[in-house]
Amino acid sequence: MSEECALRVLGIETSCDETGVAVYDSEQGLLGHSLYSQIKLHADFGGVVPELASRDHVRKTLPLITDTLKQTDGGLEQLDGIAYTAGPGLVGALLVGAAIGRSLAWTLDIPAVGVHHMEGHMLAPMLDERKPEFPFVALLVSGGHSQLVEVEAVGHYRLLGESIDDAAGEAFDKTAKLLGLPYPGGPELARLAEQGNPERFSFPRPMTDRPGLDFSFSGLKTFALNTMQQELAPELNLEPEIAQQTRADIARAFEDAVVDTMVIKCRRAVRETNCQTLVLAGGVAANRHLRQRMQLSMEKEGVELFYPNMQFCTDNGAMIAYAGCQRLVAGQSEELQFGARPRWPLEELTALD
């Protein structure tokens, strides 16, 4: 990248229940980042309350911007652009980041760009020293999305497959709730699964017995519920430690089924596209079991596997700053008006020239 096009970009992420802010420099890389999680705020409700999420973003975004700028060697006047998450996500939460980002850009007379949340996740491995090269296949797995995407370059995306019902992260959270685990359920289920016996239960691997790259995880949740009702029925009068082990065994069987399904679909995807690189991104990419199984499978396929640093798997401002920087460097920006797109197909993004 030439010296004259170097840009310093502030990234703002407020799509759901995490407020993320970062500053990314196209020459120097990531200069600073801050993250605030609303887990405690939503824990009593067992899930994200959109109105509370929006109000908390209002409270936290500006202080986080101040904290992040302190990590860099300059203030607001050193910024060359603003990137904010424009969608998909919770509309109220998105509007908080969009309003703050666009207002700052107008005040500073610098360009701003709305970033697609999943594009941010997909490009998050670029924040690491070891970066994937285009083209690659990306598996995007989060609380709201499970997608396989062929990536030719930034903005050049072809959807290969997606979930026809629950996303993988959503299925993790719902099954965790059935098991009586606290919010957020996905990481709690993964921790419980580590204590489980992988040989006790066998769950189906949905849609792997037919061609195609789409996913379906809703049936696994139902299978887990039926297994619980059978194995943990009150009339069985199970000892507490036996009941707890049964829950762990069910969690392990569920996790194994989800992981195996994603590994099988990724293996198909790299074969069909002849891609030699796979990117694993999104909140579920932090799952240790998934990383290990995917690594073994891709090694057998001769495919190189990349995933973000653990701190950048969940929602964060760094991925938004990076993705926005790529578009601003290419000359893209938006008019003064702004909005939010709670539903926004990845294929509708403008390709970079």
Protein backbone atom coordinates (compact mmCIF):
# COMPACT_ATOMS: atom_id res chain seq x y z
CA MET A 1 0.00 0.00 0.00
CA SER A 2 1.47 3.37 -0.97
CA GLU A 3 2.32 6.03 1.59
CA GLU A 4 -0.13 8.57 0.15
CA CYS A 5 -3.14 6.33 0.74
CA ALA A 6 -2.32 5.50 4.36
CA LEU A 7 -5.42 5.94 6.53
CA ARG A 8 -6.15 5.85 10.25
CA VAL A 9 -9.68 4.59 10.86
CA LEU A 10 -11.86 4.48 13.96
CA GLY A 11 -14.10 1.39 14.06
CA ILE A 12 -17.33 1.17 16.08
CA GLU A 13 -19.22 -2.08 16.69
CA THR A 14 -22.67 -1.99 18.35
CA SER A 15 -24.66 -4.68 16.53
CA CYS A 16 -25.81 -6.65 19.59
CA ASP A 17 -24.58 -6.94 23.17
CA GLU A 18 -20.93 -5.88 22.92
CA THR A 19 -19.63 -2.36 22.45
CA GLY A 20 -16.36 -2.48 20.53
CA VAL A 21 -14.09 0.38 19.48
CA ALA A 22 -10.72 0.24 17.71
CA VAL A 23 -8.27 2.34 15.72
CA TYR A 24 -6.64 0.70 12.70
CA ASP A 25 -3.90 2.26 10.59
CA SER A 26 -3.46 0.97 7.05
CA GLU A 27 0.33 1.17 7.43
CA GLN A 28 0.90 0.42 11.12
CA GLY A 29 -1.94 -2.04 11.74
CA LEU A 30 -4.07 -2.15 14.89
CA LEU A 31 -3.15 0.71 17.22
CA GLY A 32 -5.68 0.21 20.01
CA HIS A 33 -8.96 -1.44 20.85
CA SER A 34 -11.48 -1.58 23.70
CA LEU A 35 -14.43 -3.86 24.35
CA TYR A 36 -17.31 -3.79 26.79
CA SER A 37 -19.58 -6.82 27.20
CA GLN A 38 -23.20 -6.61 28.36
CA ILE A 39 -23.30 -10.19 29.65
CA LYS A 40 -24.11 -9.18 33.23
CA LEU A 41 -26.83 -6.81 32.03
CA HIS A 42 -28.72 -9.53 30.14
CA ALA A 43 -27.92 -12.55 32.34
CA ASP A 44 -31.06 -12.25 34.47
CA PHE A 45 -33.21 -12.39 31.32
CA GLY A 46 -31.46 -15.40 29.79
CA GLY A 47 -30.85 -13.53 26.55
CA VAL A 48 -30.32 -10.13 24.96
CA VAL A 49 -33.01 -7.50 25.62
CA PRO A 50 -32.78 -5.15 22.60
CA GLU A 51 -33.91 -1.97 24.39
CA LEU A 52 -31.44 -2.49 27.24
CA ALA A 53 -28.69 -3.26 24.74
CA SER A 54 -29.31 0.00 22.86
CA ARG A 55 -29.32 2.09 26.03
CA ASP A 56 -26.07 0.53 27.22
CA HIS A 57 -24.39 1.28 23.88
CA VAL A 58 -25.42 4.93 24.34
CA ARG A 59 -23.69 4.96 27.72
CA LYS A 60 -20.53 3.11 26.74
CA THR A 61 -19.56 4.06 23.17
CA LEU A 62 -18.15 7.55 23.73
CA PRO A 63 -16.13 6.59 26.86
CA LEU A 64 -14.70 3.62 24.93
CA ILE A 65 -13.72 5.91 22.04
CA THR A 66 -11.88 8.12 24.53
CA ASP A 67 -10.14 5.12 26.11
CA THR A 68 -9.13 3.70 22.73
CA LEU A 69 -7.71 6.97 21.44
CA LYS A 70 -5.55 7.15 24.58
CA GLN A 71 -3.92 3.89 23.45
CA THR A 72 -2.79 5.53 20.19
CA ASP A 73 -0.32 8.32 19.49
CA GLY A 74 -3.05 10.77 18.49
CA GLY A 75 -6.56 12.00 19.16
CA LEU A 76 -9.64 12.58 17.05
CA GLU A 77 -7.75 15.03 14.85
CA GLN A 78 -5.46 12.19 13.69
CA LEU A 79 -8.34 10.14 12.27
CA ASP A 80 -8.82 9.89 8.51
CA GLY A 81 -12.09 7.96 8.51
CA ILE A 82 -14.82 6.34 10.57
CA ALA A 83 -16.23 2.82 10.14
CA TYR A 84 -19.32 1.61 11.97
CA THR A 85 -21.39 -1.55 11.84
CA ALA A 86 -24.48 -0.83 9.73
CA GLY A 87 -25.92 -4.36 9.87
CA PRO A 88 -27.02 -7.03 10.30
CA GLY A 89 -27.99 -6.91 13.96
CA LEU A 90 -30.44 -5.30 16.37
CA VAL A 91 -31.77 -2.16 14.71
CA GLY A 92 -31.68 0.03 17.84
CA ALA A 93 -28.17 -1.04 18.76
CA LEU A 94 -26.96 -0.51 15.19
CA LEU A 95 -28.41 3.00 15.10
CA VAL A 96 -26.41 4.00 18.18
CA GLY A 97 -23.09 3.20 16.52
CA ALA A 98 -24.21 4.61 13.18
CA ALA A 99 -25.35 7.90 14.71
CA ILE A 100 -22.18 8.36 16.74
CA GLY A 101 -19.89 7.34 13.89
CA ARG A 102 -21.60 9.49 11.28
CA SER A 103 -21.78 12.50 13.63
CA LEU A 104 -18.07 12.26 14.41
CA ALA A 105 -17.24 12.01 10.72
CA TRP A 106 -19.32 15.09 9.94
CA THR A 107 -17.76 17.06 12.80
CA LEU A 108 -14.22 16.09 11.76
CA ASP A 109 -15.00 16.45 8.03
CA ILE A 110 -13.71 12.98 7.24
CA PRO A 111 -15.37 10.12 5.30
CA ALA A 112 -17.45 7.42 6.96
CA VAL A 113 -18.55 3.99 5.82
CA GLY A 114 -21.06 1.46 7.15
CA VAL A 115 -19.58 -2.03 7.49
CA HIS A 116 -21.32 -5.38 7.14
CA HIS A 117 -20.95 -7.20 10.45
CA MET A 118 -20.21 -10.58 8.87
CA GLU A 119 -17.67 -9.09 6.47
CA GLY A 120 -15.91 -7.83 9.58
CA HIS A 121 -15.87 -11.34 11.07
CA MET A 122 -14.71 -12.84 7.79
CA LEU A 123 -11.75 -10.45 7.54
CA ALA A 124 -10.83 -10.63 11.26
CA PRO A 125 -7.95 -13.12 10.62
CA MET A 126 -6.28 -10.31 8.61
CA LEU A 127 -5.53 -8.62 11.96
CA ASP A 128 -3.01 -11.35 12.74
CA GLU A 129 0.58 -11.48 11.47
CA ARG A 130 -0.22 -14.74 9.72
CA LYS A 131 -2.88 -13.72 7.19
CA PRO A 132 -4.87 -15.81 4.71
CA GLU A 133 -4.47 -15.00 1.04
CA PHE A 134 -7.34 -14.72 -1.43
CA PRO A 135 -9.17 -16.72 -2.61
CA PHE A 136 -10.48 -18.73 0.32
CA VAL A 137 -13.58 -20.39 1.70
CA ALA A 138 -14.97 -18.89 4.91
CA LEU A 139 -17.12 -20.63 7.49
CA LEU A 140 -18.96 -17.89 9.39
CA VAL A 141 -20.49 -19.27 12.58
CA SER A 142 -22.07 -17.03 15.18
CA GLY A 143 -25.23 -16.61 17.22
CA GLY A 144 -27.15 -15.35 14.22
CA HIS A 145 -25.36 -16.79 11.19
CA SER A 146 -23.99 -20.06 9.85
CA GLN A 147 -22.71 -19.55 6.33
CA LEU A 148 -20.16 -20.96 3.92
CA VAL A 149 -18.84 -18.28 1.59
CA GLU A 150 -16.38 -18.35 -1.30
CA VAL A 151 -14.22 -15.23 -1.05
CA GLU A 152 -12.38 -14.05 -4.16
CA ALA A 153 -11.42 -10.67 -2.68
CA VAL A 154 -12.87 -8.02 -0.38
CA GLY A 155 -16.45 -7.58 -1.54
CA HIS A 156 -16.34 -10.50 -4.00
CA TYR A 157 -18.46 -13.10 -2.19
CA ARG A 158 -20.44 -16.13 -3.30
CA LEU A 159 -22.74 -17.82 -0.81
CA LEU A 160 -22.20 -21.58 -0.91
CA GLY A 161 -24.52 -22.64 1.90
CA GLU A 162 -26.24 -21.42 5.04
CA SER A 163 -28.45 -22.60 7.88
CA ILE A 164 -32.07 -23.13 6.91
CA ASP A 165 -33.18 -22.70 10.55
CA ASP A 166 -31.16 -22.04 13.72
CA ALA A 167 -27.60 -20.79 13.36
CA ALA A 168 -24.95 -22.88 15.13
CA GLY A 169 -24.45 -20.35 17.92
CA GLU A 170 -28.20 -20.04 18.40
CA ALA A 171 -28.52 -23.83 18.66
CA PHE A 172 -25.72 -23.88 21.24
CA ASP A 173 -27.45 -21.20 23.31
CA LYS A 174 -30.90 -22.84 23.15
CA THR A 175 -29.55 -26.28 24.05
CA ALA A 176 -27.58 -24.79 26.92
CA LYS A 177 -30.78 -23.24 28.22
CA LEU A 178 -32.48 -26.64 28.09
CA LEU A 179 -29.60 -28.01 30.16
CA GLY A 180 -30.13 -25.30 32.75
CA LEU A 181 -26.87 -23.50 32.01
CA PRO A 182 -26.47 -19.75 32.61
CA TYR A 183 -26.29 -17.07 29.91
CA PRO A 184 -24.36 -16.90 27.63
CA GLY A 185 -25.07 -20.55 27.00
CA GLY A 186 -22.70 -21.47 24.17
CA PRO A 187 -19.41 -21.18 26.08
CA GLU A 188 -21.04 -22.78 29.15
CA LEU A 189 -22.16 -25.78 27.09
CA ALA A 190 -18.66 -26.16 25.65
CA ARG A 191 -17.18 -26.16 29.16
CA LEU A 192 -19.68 -28.76 30.34
CA ALA A 193 -19.01 -30.91 27.26
CA GLU A 194 -15.36 -31.24 28.28
CA GLN A 195 -16.56 -33.41 31.19
CA GLY A 196 -18.80 -35.54 28.98
CA ASN A 197 -18.35 -39.10 27.76
CA PRO A 198 -18.28 -39.01 23.93
CA GLU A 199 -19.29 -42.68 23.71
CA ARG A 200 -22.54 -42.55 25.68
CA PHE A 201 -24.89 -40.80 23.24
CA SER A 202 -24.89 -40.53 19.46
CA PHE A 203 -26.69 -37.55 17.94
CA PRO A 204 -27.48 -37.23 14.21
CA ARG A 205 -25.31 -35.19 11.84
CA PRO A 206 -28.08 -33.28 10.02
CA MET A 207 -28.06 -32.88 6.23
CA THR A 208 -24.73 -34.68 5.81
CA ASP A 209 -26.36 -37.67 4.11
CA ARG A 210 -27.40 -35.57 1.09
CA PRO A 211 -25.58 -33.29 -1.36
CA GLY A 212 -25.26 -29.59 -0.70
CA LEU A 213 -23.67 -27.17 1.74
CA ASP A 214 -26.66 -25.93 3.74
CA PHE A 215 -26.94 -26.50 7.49
CA SER A 216 -29.80 -27.38 9.84
CA PHE A 217 -29.30 -27.35 13.60
CA SER A 218 -32.84 -27.01 14.94
CA GLY A 219 -33.39 -30.78 14.91
CA LEU A 220 -30.32 -31.33 17.08
CA LYS A 221 -31.83 -29.10 19.73
CA THR A 222 -35.01 -31.21 19.66
CA PHE A 223 -32.94 -34.41 19.80
CA ALA A 224 -31.16 -33.06 22.87
CA LEU A 225 -34.48 -32.20 24.51
CA ASN A 226 -35.87 -35.70 23.86
CA THR A 227 -32.70 -37.28 25.26
CA MET A 228 -32.94 -35.15 28.39
CA GLN A 229 -36.58 -36.05 28.93
CA GLN A 230 -35.66 -39.73 28.63
CA GLU A 231 -32.48 -39.73 30.70
CA LEU A 232 -33.29 -37.08 33.31
CA ALA A 233 -36.96 -37.82 34.00
CA PRO A 234 -37.92 -36.92 37.61
CA GLU A 235 -39.29 -40.39 38.26
CA LEU A 236 -35.81 -41.86 37.77
CA ASN A 237 -34.70 -40.23 41.04
CA LEU A 238 -31.12 -39.86 39.84
CA GLU A 239 -28.38 -38.95 42.27
CA PRO A 240 -27.18 -35.34 41.69
CA GLU A 241 -23.76 -36.41 40.48
CA ILE A 242 -25.29 -38.92 38.03
CA ALA A 243 -27.70 -36.29 36.70
CA GLN A 244 -24.83 -33.82 36.27
CA GLN A 245 -22.76 -36.39 34.39
CA THR A 246 -25.74 -37.13 32.14
CA ARG A 247 -26.03 -33.42 31.32
CA ALA A 248 -22.33 -33.36 30.50
CA ASP A 249 -22.70 -36.42 28.26
CA ILE A 250 -25.63 -34.80 26.41
CA ALA A 251 -23.64 -31.58 26.00
CA ARG A 252 -20.72 -33.55 24.57
CA ALA A 253 -22.93 -35.45 22.14
CA PHE A 254 -24.54 -32.21 20.98
CA GLU A 255 -21.21 -30.43 20.52
CA ASP A 256 -19.74 -33.42 18.65
CA ALA A 257 -22.70 -33.46 16.28
CA VAL A 258 -22.46 -29.74 15.50
CA VAL A 259 -18.69 -29.87 15.05
CA ASP A 260 -18.79 -32.98 12.86
CA THR A 261 -21.49 -31.42 10.69
CA MET A 262 -19.47 -28.26 10.12
CA VAL A 263 -16.29 -30.21 9.41
CA ILE A 264 -18.07 -32.38 6.83
CA LYS A 265 -19.59 -29.34 5.10
CA CYS A 266 -16.25 -27.48 5.04
CA ARG A 267 -14.53 -30.49 3.55
CA ARG A 268 -17.14 -30.54 0.78
CA ALA A 269 -16.80 -26.79 0.23
CA VAL A 270 -13.01 -26.77 -0.26
CA ARG A 271 -13.28 -29.75 -2.59
CA GLU A 272 -16.02 -28.16 -4.69
CA THR A 273 -14.22 -24.81 -4.98
CA ASN A 274 -10.67 -26.21 -5.17
CA CYS A 275 -9.66 -23.64 -2.56
CA GLN A 276 -6.50 -24.34 -0.59
CA THR A 277 -7.42 -22.02 2.28
CA LEU A 278 -10.24 -22.10 4.83
CA VAL A 279 -11.11 -19.28 7.23
CA LEU A 280 -13.07 -20.07 10.37
CA ALA A 281 -14.65 -16.92 11.86
CA GLY A 282 -17.41 -15.71 14.17
CA GLY A 283 -18.12 -16.30 17.84
CA VAL A 284 -18.35 -20.09 17.52
CA ALA A 285 -14.84 -20.07 15.99
CA ALA A 286 -13.61 -19.72 19.57
CA ASN A 287 -14.81 -23.27 20.30
CA ARG A 288 -11.69 -25.30 21.05
CA HIS A 289 -13.17 -28.61 19.91
CA LEU A 290 -14.20 -27.10 16.55
CA ARG A 291 -10.72 -25.68 15.97
CA GLN A 292 -9.02 -28.98 16.73
CA ARG A 293 -11.32 -31.12 14.58
CA MET A 294 -11.24 -28.65 11.70
CA GLN A 295 -7.44 -28.48 11.82
CA LEU A 296 -7.12 -32.27 11.59
CA SER A 297 -9.61 -32.47 8.73
CA MET A 298 -8.04 -29.65 6.70
CA GLU A 299 -4.55 -31.08 7.15
CA LYS A 300 -5.78 -34.29 5.51
CA GLU A 301 -7.21 -32.20 2.65
CA GLY A 302 -3.98 -30.24 2.21
CA VAL A 303 -5.87 -27.06 3.10
CA GLU A 304 -4.44 -24.29 5.29
CA LEU A 305 -6.71 -23.21 8.14
CA PHE A 306 -6.93 -19.68 9.53
CA TYR A 307 -9.00 -18.24 12.35
CA PRO A 308 -8.87 -14.96 14.30
CA ASN A 309 -7.03 -14.41 17.53
CA MET A 310 -9.37 -15.56 20.30
CA GLN A 311 -10.13 -11.98 21.40
CA PHE A 312 -11.35 -11.14 17.90
CA CYS A 313 -13.69 -14.11 17.43
CA THR A 314 -16.60 -12.48 19.23
CA ASP A 315 -17.93 -9.05 18.20
CA ASN A 316 -15.24 -6.36 18.36
CA GLY A 317 -14.32 -2.98 16.97
CA ALA A 318 -11.01 -4.10 15.46
CA MET A 319 -12.64 -6.18 12.73
CA ILE A 320 -14.94 -3.25 11.84
CA ALA A 321 -12.03 -0.80 11.73
CA TYR A 322 -10.08 -3.18 9.45
CA ALA A 323 -12.97 -3.89 7.07
CA GLY A 324 -13.90 -0.22 6.94
CA CYS A 325 -10.30 0.76 6.28
CA GLN A 326 -10.17 -1.48 3.21
CA ARG A 327 -13.23 0.23 1.76
CA LEU A 328 -12.09 3.75 2.63
CA VAL A 329 -8.67 3.12 1.08
CA ALA A 330 -10.49 2.00 -2.08
CA GLY A 331 -12.33 5.32 -2.14
CA GLN A 332 -15.70 4.19 -0.83
CA SER A 333 -17.64 6.40 1.55
CA GLU A 334 -21.24 7.38 2.23
CA GLU A 335 -23.39 10.47 2.13
CA LEU A 336 -24.33 12.37 5.28
CA GLN A 337 -27.50 10.38 5.88
CA PHE A 338 -27.13 7.04 7.64
CA GLY A 339 -29.27 4.07 8.55
CA ALA A 340 -29.19 0.52 9.82
CA ARG A 341 -29.86 -2.75 8.03
CA PRO A 342 -30.92 -5.40 10.58
CA ARG A 343 -31.11 -7.84 7.65
CA TRP A 344 -28.41 -7.46 5.03
CA PRO A 345 -27.41 -10.28 2.63
CA LEU A 346 -23.63 -10.52 2.30
CA GLU A 347 -23.91 -10.87 -1.49
CA GLU A 348 -25.31 -7.33 -1.77
CA LEU A 349 -22.02 -5.75 -0.75
CA THR A 350 -20.18 -3.61 -3.26
CA ALA A 351 -17.00 -5.19 -4.57
CA LEU A 352 -13.74 -3.25 -4.34
CA ASP A 353 -12.18 -2.41 -7.69
